[in-house]
Amino acid sequence: MAYISTISSASAHFEVFRQGSSALIVENLGYDPVAGKAYSLMLALEPLPGSPDILVEAEMAFCIVEEDDLLDESRQIWSGLDTARLIPKAERKRILLHVLAAIEAMVRNVPAEVIHYFTMDEDPPQKALRKFVDIARRFETCGYEVRTYDPYHGRCVWKAVKR
């Protein structure tokens, strides 16, 4: 693993792209010069089906995008189990801090009344759930009340409601 981080700080400025009723943050995280791959964070807010607007009720999702320069391909990595094979543990901790900062930037720029989010993995390990507790705490510092719900098909579900 020859991963090199390009994260300058967890308090970096994030640009929020808006198109129609969607919002997106894309931020470089690092690269592997040996494998010819670059990694970016993608954080998105989309209106929940049936919601008239992203500011009323939205769904949040985030992943790491892997760009393969040699094959000119990209793939979205939704599971922390997959990132463990690609990015060193110390760097994954820095990435989590970066994700939390990006979430804060997103909700400050796009203050949806209700935001839903969930795990992509079914029956995720406790270690993965601790990261989602960190996300819930970040929502709380941004003025949201966070609730959890019973898992749906093994996926854990959260709902952040603006206070």
C-alpha atoms as a PDB file:
ATOM      1  CA  MET A   1       0.000   0.000   0.000  1.00  0.00           C
ATOM      2  CA  ALA A   2       1.608   3.255  -1.146  1.00  0.00           C
ATOM      3  CA  TYR A   3      -1.295   5.543  -0.252  1.00  0.00           C
ATOM      4  CA  ILE A   4      -0.397   9.240   0.077  1.00  0.00           C
ATOM      5  CA  SER A   5      -2.916  11.574   1.690  1.00  0.00           C
ATOM      6  CA  THR A   6      -3.772  14.936   0.127  1.00  0.00           C
ATOM      7  CA  ILE A   7      -5.954  16.043   3.063  1.00  0.00           C
ATOM      8  CA  SER A   8      -4.560  19.319   4.348  1.00  0.00           C
ATOM      9  CA  SER A   9      -6.753  19.598   7.457  1.00  0.00           C
ATOM     10  CA  ALA A  10     -10.096  18.432   8.829  1.00  0.00           C
ATOM     11  CA  SER A  11     -11.275  22.065   8.816  1.00  0.00           C
ATOM     12  CA  ALA A  12     -10.793  22.469   5.072  1.00  0.00           C
ATOM     13  CA  HIS A  13     -13.155  24.569   2.983  1.00  0.00           C
ATOM     14  CA  PHE A  14     -15.669  22.429   1.111  1.00  0.00           C
ATOM     15  CA  GLU A  15     -17.408  23.640  -2.015  1.00  0.00           C
ATOM     16  CA  VAL A  16     -21.045  22.568  -2.196  1.00  0.00           C
ATOM     17  CA  PHE A  17     -22.281  22.083  -5.751  1.00  0.00           C
ATOM     18  CA  ARG A  18     -26.010  22.568  -6.305  1.00  0.00           C
ATOM     19  CA  GLN A  19     -27.897  21.417  -9.368  1.00  0.00           C
ATOM     20  CA  GLY A  20     -31.642  21.375  -9.339  1.00  0.00           C
ATOM     21  CA  SER A  21     -32.719  19.897  -6.032  1.00  0.00           C
ATOM     22  CA  SER A  22     -29.456  18.007  -5.401  1.00  0.00           C
ATOM     23  CA  ALA A  23     -26.305  19.001  -3.533  1.00  0.00           C
ATOM     24  CA  LEU A  24     -22.845  17.447  -3.807  1.00  0.00           C
ATOM     25  CA  ILE A  25     -19.385  17.754  -2.272  1.00  0.00           C
ATOM     26  CA  VAL A  26     -16.431  16.103  -4.015  1.00  0.00           C
ATOM     27  CA  GLU A  27     -13.077  16.390  -2.286  1.00  0.00           C
ATOM     28  CA  ASN A  28      -9.684  14.792  -3.034  1.00  0.00           C
ATOM     29  CA  LEU A  29      -8.446  12.470  -0.291  1.00  0.00           C
ATOM     30  CA  GLY A  30      -5.251  10.912  -1.621  1.00  0.00           C
ATOM     31  CA  TYR A  31      -3.628   8.683  -4.203  1.00  0.00           C
ATOM     32  CA  ASP A  32      -1.562   5.561  -4.667  1.00  0.00           C
ATOM     33  CA  PRO A  33       1.228   6.306  -7.178  1.00  0.00           C
ATOM     34  CA  VAL A  34       2.224   2.638  -7.448  1.00  0.00           C
ATOM     35  CA  ALA A  35      -1.284   1.451  -8.358  1.00  0.00           C
ATOM     36  CA  GLY A  36      -2.077   4.602 -10.367  1.00  0.00           C
ATOM     37  CA  LYS A  37      -5.229   5.323  -8.364  1.00  0.00           C
ATOM     38  CA  ALA A  38      -6.692   8.478  -6.851  1.00  0.00           C
ATOM     39  CA  TYR A  39      -9.313   8.608  -4.094  1.00  0.00           C
ATOM     40  CA  SER A  40     -11.988  11.242  -3.465  1.00  0.00           C
ATOM     41  CA  LEU A  41     -14.845  11.736  -1.038  1.00  0.00           C
ATOM     42  CA  MET A  42     -18.307  12.109  -2.556  1.00  0.00           C
ATOM     43  CA  LEU A  43     -21.053  13.357  -0.215  1.00  0.00           C
ATOM     44  CA  ALA A  44     -24.537  13.915  -1.626  1.00  0.00           C
ATOM     45  CA  LEU A  45     -27.922  15.159  -0.496  1.00  0.00           C
ATOM     46  CA  GLU A  46     -30.921  14.223  -2.627  1.00  0.00           C
ATOM     47  CA  PRO A  47     -34.582  14.952  -1.957  1.00  0.00           C
ATOM     48  CA  LEU A  48     -36.353  11.994  -0.428  1.00  0.00           C
ATOM     49  CA  PRO A  49     -38.900  10.481  -2.845  1.00  0.00           C
ATOM     50  CA  GLY A  50     -42.131  12.412  -2.384  1.00  0.00           C
ATOM     51  CA  SER A  51     -40.391  15.440  -0.895  1.00  0.00           C
ATOM     52  CA  PRO A  52     -41.009  18.655  -2.821  1.00  0.00           C
ATOM     53  CA  ASP A  53     -37.492  19.972  -2.153  1.00  0.00           C
ATOM     54  CA  ILE A  54     -34.109  19.045  -0.700  1.00  0.00           C
ATOM     55  CA  LEU A  55     -34.649  21.626   2.073  1.00  0.00           C
ATOM     56  CA  VAL A  56     -37.757  19.799   3.293  1.00  0.00           C
ATOM     57  CA  GLU A  57     -36.630  16.154   3.493  1.00  0.00           C
ATOM     58  CA  ALA A  58     -33.426  14.666   2.089  1.00  0.00           C
ATOM     59  CA  GLU A  59     -31.330  11.524   2.024  1.00  0.00           C
ATOM     60  CA  MET A  60     -27.592  11.770   2.651  1.00  0.00           C
ATOM     61  CA  ALA A  61     -25.102   9.313   1.209  1.00  0.00           C
ATOM     62  CA  PHE A  62     -21.325   9.290   1.020  1.00  0.00           C
ATOM     63  CA  CYS A  63     -18.673   7.077  -0.499  1.00  0.00           C
ATOM     64  CA  ILE A  64     -15.089   7.034  -1.652  1.00  0.00           C
ATOM     65  CA  VAL A  65     -14.558   7.216  -5.398  1.00  0.00           C
ATOM     66  CA  GLU A  66     -11.526   5.358  -6.731  1.00  0.00           C
ATOM     67  CA  GLU A  67     -10.159   6.620 -10.047  1.00  0.00           C
ATOM     68  CA  ASP A  68      -7.898   4.208 -11.914  1.00  0.00           C
ATOM     69  CA  ASP A  69      -5.615   6.232 -14.202  1.00  0.00           C
ATOM     70  CA  LEU A  70      -4.252   3.167 -15.982  1.00  0.00           C
ATOM     71  CA  LEU A  71      -7.638   1.732 -16.964  1.00  0.00           C
ATOM     72  CA  ASP A  72      -9.414   5.107 -17.164  1.00  0.00           C
ATOM     73  CA  GLU A  73     -12.165   3.743 -14.887  1.00  0.00           C
ATOM     74  CA  SER A  74     -13.753   4.730 -11.626  1.00  0.00           C
ATOM     75  CA  ARG A  75     -15.727   2.900  -8.973  1.00  0.00           C
ATOM     76  CA  GLN A  76     -17.658   3.959  -5.915  1.00  0.00           C
ATOM     77  CA  ILE A  77     -16.658   2.312  -2.638  1.00  0.00           C
ATOM     78  CA  TRP A  78     -19.579   2.276  -0.215  1.00  0.00           C
ATOM     79  CA  SER A  79     -18.260  -0.147   2.411  1.00  0.00           C
ATOM     80  CA  GLY A  80     -15.623   0.505   5.032  1.00  0.00           C
ATOM     81  CA  LEU A  81     -14.706  -3.163   4.675  1.00  0.00           C
ATOM     82  CA  ASP A  82     -13.424  -2.368   1.172  1.00  0.00           C
ATOM     83  CA  THR A  83     -11.502   0.764   2.170  1.00  0.00           C
ATOM     84  CA  ALA A  84      -9.570  -1.238   4.780  1.00  0.00           C
ATOM     85  CA  ARG A  85      -7.769  -3.033   1.944  1.00  0.00           C
ATOM     86  CA  LEU A  86      -6.916   0.193   0.127  1.00  0.00           C
ATOM     87  CA  ILE A  87      -6.129   2.855   2.711  1.00  0.00           C
ATOM     88  CA  PRO A  88      -3.964   2.551   5.854  1.00  0.00           C
ATOM     89  CA  LYS A  89      -5.742   2.658   9.227  1.00  0.00           C
ATOM     90  CA  ALA A  90      -4.239   6.000  10.326  1.00  0.00           C
ATOM     91  CA  GLU A  91      -5.379   7.605   7.074  1.00  0.00           C
ATOM     92  CA  ARG A  92      -8.893   6.175   7.436  1.00  0.00           C
ATOM     93  CA  LYS A  93      -9.160   8.024  10.761  1.00  0.00           C
ATOM     94  CA  ARG A  94      -8.183  11.275   9.017  1.00  0.00           C
ATOM     95  CA  ILE A  95     -10.746  10.555   6.306  1.00  0.00           C
ATOM     96  CA  LEU A  96     -13.480  10.099   8.932  1.00  0.00           C
ATOM     97  CA  LEU A  97     -12.641  13.539  10.356  1.00  0.00           C
ATOM     98  CA  HIS A  98     -12.808  14.900   6.811  1.00  0.00           C
ATOM     99  CA  VAL A  99     -16.221  13.251   6.252  1.00  0.00           C
ATOM    100  CA  LEU A 100     -17.511  14.816   9.476  1.00  0.00           C
ATOM    101  CA  ALA A 101     -16.269  18.253   8.393  1.00  0.00           C
ATOM    102  CA  ALA A 102     -17.872  17.784   4.955  1.00  0.00           C
ATOM    103  CA  ILE A 103     -21.204  16.832   6.570  1.00  0.00           C
ATOM    104  CA  GLU A 104     -21.068  19.996   8.656  1.00  0.00           C
ATOM    105  CA  ALA A 105     -20.304  22.102   5.568  1.00  0.00           C
ATOM    106  CA  MET A 106     -23.164  20.452   3.692  1.00  0.00           C
ATOM    107  CA  VAL A 107     -25.816  21.054   6.360  1.00  0.00           C
ATOM    108  CA  ARG A 108     -24.648  24.625   6.914  1.00  0.00           C
ATOM    109  CA  ASN A 109     -25.016  25.303   3.167  1.00  0.00           C
ATOM    110  CA  VAL A 110     -28.111  23.149   2.576  1.00  0.00           C
ATOM    111  CA  PRO A 111     -30.055  23.201   5.876  1.00  0.00           C
ATOM    112  CA  ALA A 112     -32.634  20.512   5.156  1.00  0.00           C
ATOM    113  CA  GLU A 113     -35.338  20.160   7.793  1.00  0.00           C
ATOM    114  CA  VAL A 114     -35.001  16.344   7.857  1.00  0.00           C
ATOM    115  CA  ILE A 115     -32.050  14.220   6.685  1.00  0.00           C
ATOM    116  CA  HIS A 116     -32.115  10.416   6.534  1.00  0.00           C
ATOM    117  CA  TYR A 117     -28.984   8.281   6.270  1.00  0.00           C
ATOM    118  CA  PHE A 118     -28.170   4.613   6.640  1.00  0.00           C
ATOM    119  CA  THR A 119     -25.421   2.019   6.488  1.00  0.00           C
ATOM    120  CA  MET A 120     -24.776   0.465   3.114  1.00  0.00           C
ATOM    121  CA  ASP A 121     -23.605  -2.830   4.614  1.00  0.00           C
ATOM    122  CA  GLU A 122     -26.134  -5.216   6.083  1.00  0.00           C
ATOM    123  CA  ASP A 123     -25.534  -6.039   9.737  1.00  0.00           C
ATOM    124  CA  PRO A 124     -22.414  -3.848  10.004  1.00  0.00           C
ATOM    125  CA  PRO A 125     -19.867  -4.573  12.749  1.00  0.00           C
ATOM    126  CA  GLN A 126     -19.888  -2.470  15.931  1.00  0.00           C
ATOM    127  CA  LYS A 127     -16.743  -0.681  14.773  1.00  0.00           C
ATOM    128  CA  ALA A 128     -18.597   0.630  11.717  1.00  0.00           C
ATOM    129  CA  LEU A 129     -21.531   1.714  13.852  1.00  0.00           C
ATOM    130  CA  ARG A 130     -19.208   3.827  16.034  1.00  0.00           C
ATOM    131  CA  LYS A 131     -18.456   5.922  12.939  1.00  0.00           C
ATOM    132  CA  PHE A 132     -22.157   6.504  12.448  1.00  0.00           C
ATOM    133  CA  VAL A 133     -22.448   7.592  16.086  1.00  0.00           C
ATOM    134  CA  ASP A 134     -19.741  10.177  15.277  1.00  0.00           C
ATOM    135  CA  ILE A 135     -21.868  11.308  12.336  1.00  0.00           C
ATOM    136  CA  ALA A 136     -24.930  11.606  14.588  1.00  0.00           C
ATOM    137  CA  ARG A 137     -22.925  13.734  17.052  1.00  0.00           C
ATOM    138  CA  ARG A 138     -21.817  16.012  14.219  1.00  0.00           C
ATOM    139  CA  PHE A 139     -25.440  16.492  13.164  1.00  0.00           C
ATOM    140  CA  GLU A 140     -26.268  17.359  16.773  1.00  0.00           C
ATOM    141  CA  THR A 141     -23.563  20.052  16.868  1.00  0.00           C
ATOM    142  CA  CYS A 142     -25.197  21.487  13.724  1.00  0.00           C
ATOM    143  CA  GLY A 143     -28.585  21.845  15.415  1.00  0.00           C
ATOM    144  CA  TYR A 144     -30.247  18.532  14.597  1.00  0.00           C
ATOM    145  CA  GLU A 145     -31.872  15.951  16.837  1.00  0.00           C
ATOM    146  CA  VAL A 146     -30.866  12.470  15.685  1.00  0.00           C
ATOM    147  CA  ARG A 147     -32.998   9.353  16.072  1.00  0.00           C
ATOM    148  CA  THR A 148     -32.240   5.771  15.170  1.00  0.00           C
ATOM    149  CA  TYR A 149     -34.720   3.207  13.920  1.00  0.00           C
ATOM    150  CA  ASP A 150     -34.869  -0.541  13.846  1.00  0.00           C
ATOM    151  CA  PRO A 151     -32.648  -1.960  11.099  1.00  0.00           C
ATOM    152  CA  TYR A 152     -34.292  -2.384   7.717  1.00  0.00           C
ATOM    153  CA  HIS A 153     -33.031  -5.484   5.858  1.00  0.00           C
ATOM    154  CA  GLY A 154     -29.976  -5.406   8.127  1.00  0.00           C
ATOM    155  CA  ARG A 155     -29.198  -1.766   7.371  1.00  0.00           C
ATOM    156  CA  CYS A 156     -29.105   0.698  10.255  1.00  0.00           C
ATOM    157  CA  VAL A 157     -31.163   3.858   9.767  1.00  0.00           C
ATOM    158  CA  TRP A 158     -30.875   7.370  11.252  1.00  0.00           C
ATOM    159  CA  LYS A 159     -33.058  10.451  10.953  1.00  0.00           C
ATOM    160  CA  ALA A 160     -31.729  13.943  11.740  1.00  0.00           C
ATOM    161  CA  VAL A 161     -34.438  16.561  12.382  1.00  0.00           C
ATOM    162  CA  LYS A 162     -33.597  20.258  12.561  1.00  0.00           C
ATOM    163  CA  ARG A 163     -34.388  21.722  16.001  1.00  0.00           C
END
